[in-house]
Amino acid sequence: MFHLAAATFLIAAGVGGLTALPVSARIKTISQCAAELTERGFTVNDQDVTKDKLFEEVYGFSAAKNNEKWEFKMDEKCKILYEHRNE
């Protein structure tokens, strides 16, 4: 009887764990990604959302840090896909 109850609990926990997305896998807004750049010390000057061939949407940013201009592209999880310092 104990084994049946334990097995039922483990199955329920496994199904519940599979249906919930981890926090890092959730889609974030462009403002949340801009805030992450700000936390890294950048001043975001411009932001836009573009469609990309490889990704659903790509967030584009123009930013500055230490008098240097930067361009960033991030996915919907705020992962940096492209980073370029303009000279």
N, C-alpha and C. Protein backbone atom coordinates (compact mmCIF):
# COMPACT_ATOMS: atom_id res chain seq x y z
N MET A 1 0.82 -1.19 0.00
CA MET A 1 0.00 0.00 0.00
C MET A 1 0.87 1.26 0.00
N PHE A 2 1.95 1.24 0.79
CA PHE A 2 2.85 2.38 0.84
C PHE A 2 3.49 2.65 -0.53
N HIS A 3 3.87 1.56 -1.23
CA HIS A 3 4.51 1.70 -2.53
C HIS A 3 3.55 2.31 -3.55
N LEU A 4 2.28 1.96 -3.46
CA LEU A 4 1.29 2.52 -4.38
C LEU A 4 1.14 4.02 -4.14
N ALA A 5 1.09 4.42 -2.87
CA ALA A 5 0.95 5.84 -2.55
C ALA A 5 2.20 6.61 -2.99
N ALA A 6 3.36 6.04 -2.76
CA ALA A 6 4.62 6.69 -3.15
C ALA A 6 4.71 6.82 -4.67
N ALA A 7 4.32 5.79 -5.39
CA ALA A 7 4.36 5.82 -6.85
C ALA A 7 3.40 6.88 -7.39
N THR A 8 2.21 6.97 -6.81
CA THR A 8 1.23 7.96 -7.23
C THR A 8 1.76 9.37 -7.01
N PHE A 9 2.39 9.59 -5.86
CA PHE A 9 2.96 10.90 -5.56
C PHE A 9 4.07 11.27 -6.56
N LEU A 10 4.93 10.32 -6.87
CA LEU A 10 6.04 10.59 -7.79
C LEU A 10 5.53 10.89 -9.19
N ILE A 11 4.51 10.17 -9.63
CA ILE A 11 3.93 10.43 -10.96
C ILE A 11 3.31 11.81 -11.00
N ALA A 12 2.56 12.16 -9.97
CA ALA A 12 1.92 13.48 -9.92
C ALA A 12 2.97 14.59 -9.90
N ALA A 13 4.03 14.40 -9.16
CA ALA A 13 5.09 15.41 -9.10
C ALA A 13 5.80 15.53 -10.44
N GLY A 14 6.00 14.42 -11.12
CA GLY A 14 6.66 14.45 -12.43
C GLY A 14 5.83 15.15 -13.48
N VAL A 15 4.53 14.88 -13.49
CA VAL A 15 3.65 15.54 -14.46
C VAL A 15 3.59 17.03 -14.17
N GLY A 16 3.49 17.41 -12.92
CA GLY A 16 3.46 18.83 -12.56
C GLY A 16 4.74 19.53 -12.92
N GLY A 17 5.86 18.86 -12.78
CA GLY A 17 7.15 19.44 -13.12
C GLY A 17 7.33 19.64 -14.61
N LEU A 18 6.72 18.80 -15.41
CA LEU A 18 6.85 18.92 -16.86
C LEU A 18 5.98 20.03 -17.43
N THR A 19 4.87 20.33 -16.78
CA THR A 19 3.96 21.33 -17.33
C THR A 19 4.36 22.75 -17.00
N ALA A 20 5.10 22.97 -15.94
CA ALA A 20 5.51 24.32 -15.55
C ALA A 20 6.80 24.69 -16.26
N LEU A 21 6.82 25.86 -16.89
CA LEU A 21 8.02 26.33 -17.54
C LEU A 21 8.96 26.95 -16.52
N PRO A 22 10.23 26.69 -16.63
CA PRO A 22 11.16 27.39 -15.73
C PRO A 22 11.15 28.89 -16.03
N VAL A 23 11.52 29.67 -15.05
CA VAL A 23 11.48 31.12 -15.19
C VAL A 23 12.34 31.58 -16.36
N SER A 24 13.49 30.95 -16.57
CA SER A 24 14.39 31.37 -17.63
C SER A 24 13.84 31.09 -19.02
N ALA A 25 12.86 30.21 -19.16
CA ALA A 25 12.32 29.86 -20.46
C ALA A 25 11.11 30.71 -20.85
N ARG A 26 10.64 31.56 -19.97
CA ARG A 26 9.48 32.39 -20.27
C ARG A 26 9.88 33.56 -21.15
N ILE A 27 8.95 33.98 -22.00
CA ILE A 27 9.18 35.11 -22.88
C ILE A 27 9.18 36.39 -22.06
N LYS A 28 10.17 37.23 -22.30
CA LYS A 28 10.28 38.50 -21.60
C LYS A 28 9.96 39.65 -22.55
N THR A 29 9.56 40.76 -22.00
CA THR A 29 9.25 41.93 -22.82
C THR A 29 10.53 42.66 -23.21
N ILE A 30 10.40 43.53 -24.20
CA ILE A 30 11.55 44.32 -24.63
C ILE A 30 12.03 45.22 -23.50
N SER A 31 11.11 45.69 -22.67
CA SER A 31 11.48 46.54 -21.53
C SER A 31 12.30 45.76 -20.50
N GLN A 32 11.97 44.50 -20.28
CA GLN A 32 12.73 43.68 -19.35
C GLN A 32 14.15 43.44 -19.86
N CYS A 33 14.28 43.24 -21.17
CA CYS A 33 15.62 43.05 -21.75
C CYS A 33 16.42 44.35 -21.70
N ALA A 34 15.76 45.48 -21.93
CA ALA A 34 16.44 46.77 -21.82
C ALA A 34 16.93 46.99 -20.39
N ALA A 35 16.12 46.57 -19.42
CA ALA A 35 16.52 46.69 -18.02
C ALA A 35 17.75 45.85 -17.72
N GLU A 36 17.87 44.69 -18.36
CA GLU A 36 19.07 43.86 -18.16
C GLU A 36 20.32 44.55 -18.70
N LEU A 37 20.19 45.25 -19.83
CA LEU A 37 21.33 46.01 -20.36
C LEU A 37 21.68 47.16 -19.42
N THR A 38 20.67 47.80 -18.87
CA THR A 38 20.89 48.89 -17.92
C THR A 38 21.62 48.38 -16.69
N GLU A 39 21.26 47.18 -16.23
CA GLU A 39 21.95 46.58 -15.08
C GLU A 39 23.42 46.31 -15.38
N ARG A 40 23.73 46.10 -16.63
CA ARG A 40 25.13 45.88 -17.04
C ARG A 40 25.88 47.19 -17.26
N GLY A 41 25.23 48.31 -17.00
CA GLY A 41 25.90 49.60 -17.09
C GLY A 41 25.69 50.35 -18.38
N PHE A 42 24.81 49.87 -19.26
CA PHE A 42 24.55 50.53 -20.54
C PHE A 42 23.38 51.50 -20.40
N THR A 43 23.41 52.56 -21.18
CA THR A 43 22.28 53.47 -21.30
C THR A 43 21.60 53.16 -22.63
N VAL A 44 20.38 52.66 -22.59
CA VAL A 44 19.66 52.28 -23.80
C VAL A 44 19.09 53.54 -24.43
N ASN A 45 19.47 53.81 -25.69
CA ASN A 45 19.03 54.99 -26.42
C ASN A 45 17.85 54.70 -27.33
N ASP A 46 17.79 53.50 -27.88
CA ASP A 46 16.74 53.15 -28.83
C ASP A 46 16.48 51.66 -28.73
N GLN A 47 15.23 51.26 -28.95
CA GLN A 47 14.89 49.83 -28.94
C GLN A 47 13.79 49.58 -29.96
N ASP A 48 13.84 48.40 -30.58
CA ASP A 48 12.78 48.03 -31.52
C ASP A 48 12.66 46.52 -31.60
N VAL A 49 11.53 46.07 -32.13
CA VAL A 49 11.27 44.65 -32.30
C VAL A 49 11.24 44.36 -33.79
N THR A 50 12.03 43.37 -34.22
CA THR A 50 12.06 43.01 -35.63
C THR A 50 11.80 41.51 -35.78
N LYS A 51 11.29 41.13 -36.92
CA LYS A 51 11.12 39.71 -37.24
C LYS A 51 12.45 39.21 -37.80
N ASP A 52 12.77 37.98 -37.49
CA ASP A 52 14.03 37.40 -37.93
C ASP A 52 13.74 36.04 -38.56
N LYS A 53 14.59 35.60 -39.47
CA LYS A 53 14.40 34.31 -40.14
C LYS A 53 14.57 33.14 -39.18
N LEU A 54 15.48 33.26 -38.23
CA LEU A 54 15.77 32.16 -37.32
C LEU A 54 14.93 32.18 -36.05
N PHE A 55 14.47 33.36 -35.65
CA PHE A 55 13.76 33.51 -34.39
C PHE A 55 12.41 34.18 -34.64
N GLU A 56 11.48 33.99 -33.73
CA GLU A 56 10.17 34.64 -33.86
C GLU A 56 10.32 36.15 -33.90
N GLU A 57 10.82 36.70 -32.84
CA GLU A 57 11.05 38.14 -32.76
C GLU A 57 12.43 38.38 -32.16
N VAL A 58 13.05 39.44 -32.61
CA VAL A 58 14.36 39.82 -32.09
C VAL A 58 14.25 41.24 -31.58
N TYR A 59 14.76 41.47 -30.39
CA TYR A 59 14.77 42.80 -29.81
C TYR A 59 16.09 43.46 -30.18
N GLY A 60 16.02 44.66 -30.77
CA GLY A 60 17.22 45.40 -31.14
C GLY A 60 17.40 46.60 -30.24
N PHE A 61 18.63 46.86 -29.86
CA PHE A 61 18.93 47.98 -28.96
C PHE A 61 20.14 48.75 -29.46
N SER A 62 20.07 50.07 -29.31
CA SER A 62 21.24 50.94 -29.43
C SER A 62 21.50 51.43 -28.02
N ALA A 63 22.75 51.32 -27.61
CA ALA A 63 23.08 51.68 -26.23
C ALA A 63 24.46 52.33 -26.18
N ALA A 64 24.75 52.93 -25.04
CA ALA A 64 26.05 53.56 -24.84
C ALA A 64 26.60 53.19 -23.47
N LYS A 65 27.92 53.11 -23.40
CA LYS A 65 28.61 52.84 -22.14
C LYS A 65 30.02 53.41 -22.26
N ASN A 66 30.40 54.22 -21.31
CA ASN A 66 31.74 54.84 -21.32
C ASN A 66 32.03 55.57 -22.64
N ASN A 67 31.07 56.33 -23.12
CA ASN A 67 31.18 57.11 -24.36
C ASN A 67 31.41 56.24 -25.60
N GLU A 68 31.05 54.98 -25.54
CA GLU A 68 31.12 54.08 -26.69
C GLU A 68 29.70 53.67 -27.05
N LYS A 69 29.44 53.62 -28.36
CA LYS A 69 28.11 53.23 -28.83
C LYS A 69 28.11 51.74 -29.15
N TRP A 70 27.03 51.06 -28.75
CA TRP A 70 26.89 49.63 -28.93
C TRP A 70 25.57 49.30 -29.61
N GLU A 71 25.54 48.19 -30.33
CA GLU A 71 24.32 47.63 -30.91
C GLU A 71 24.15 46.22 -30.35
N PHE A 72 22.94 45.90 -29.94
CA PHE A 72 22.63 44.58 -29.41
C PHE A 72 21.40 44.02 -30.10
N LYS A 73 21.37 42.71 -30.22
CA LYS A 73 20.16 41.98 -30.62
C LYS A 73 19.98 40.87 -29.59
N MET A 74 18.75 40.76 -29.07
CA MET A 74 18.45 39.77 -28.04
C MET A 74 17.21 38.98 -28.46
N ASP A 75 17.15 37.73 -28.00
CA ASP A 75 15.94 36.95 -28.25
C ASP A 75 14.91 37.25 -27.16
N GLU A 76 13.79 36.53 -27.20
CA GLU A 76 12.69 36.79 -26.27
C GLU A 76 12.98 36.31 -24.85
N LYS A 77 14.15 35.73 -24.64
CA LYS A 77 14.56 35.32 -23.29
C LYS A 77 15.70 36.21 -22.80
N CYS A 78 15.95 37.30 -23.53
CA CYS A 78 17.00 38.28 -23.24
C CYS A 78 18.41 37.71 -23.40
N LYS A 79 18.53 36.66 -24.18
CA LYS A 79 19.86 36.12 -24.50
C LYS A 79 20.44 36.98 -25.62
N ILE A 80 21.67 37.43 -25.45
CA ILE A 80 22.31 38.28 -26.46
C ILE A 80 22.70 37.41 -27.65
N LEU A 81 22.15 37.78 -28.82
CA LEU A 81 22.45 37.07 -30.06
C LEU A 81 23.54 37.77 -30.86
N TYR A 82 23.60 39.08 -30.72
CA TYR A 82 24.56 39.91 -31.48
C TYR A 82 24.95 41.09 -30.60
N GLU A 83 26.23 41.39 -30.59
CA GLU A 83 26.76 42.50 -29.80
C GLU A 83 27.88 43.13 -30.61
N HIS A 84 27.77 44.44 -30.84
CA HIS A 84 28.78 45.12 -31.66
C HIS A 84 29.05 46.51 -31.10
N ARG A 85 30.32 46.82 -30.94
CA ARG A 85 30.71 48.16 -30.52
C ARG A 85 31.02 48.97 -31.76
N ASN A 86 30.33 50.10 -31.92
CA ASN A 86 30.57 50.99 -33.06
C ASN A 86 31.79 51.85 -32.78
N GLU A 87 32.64 51.96 -33.77
CA GLU A 87 33.86 52.74 -33.58
C GLU A 87 33.78 54.06 -34.27
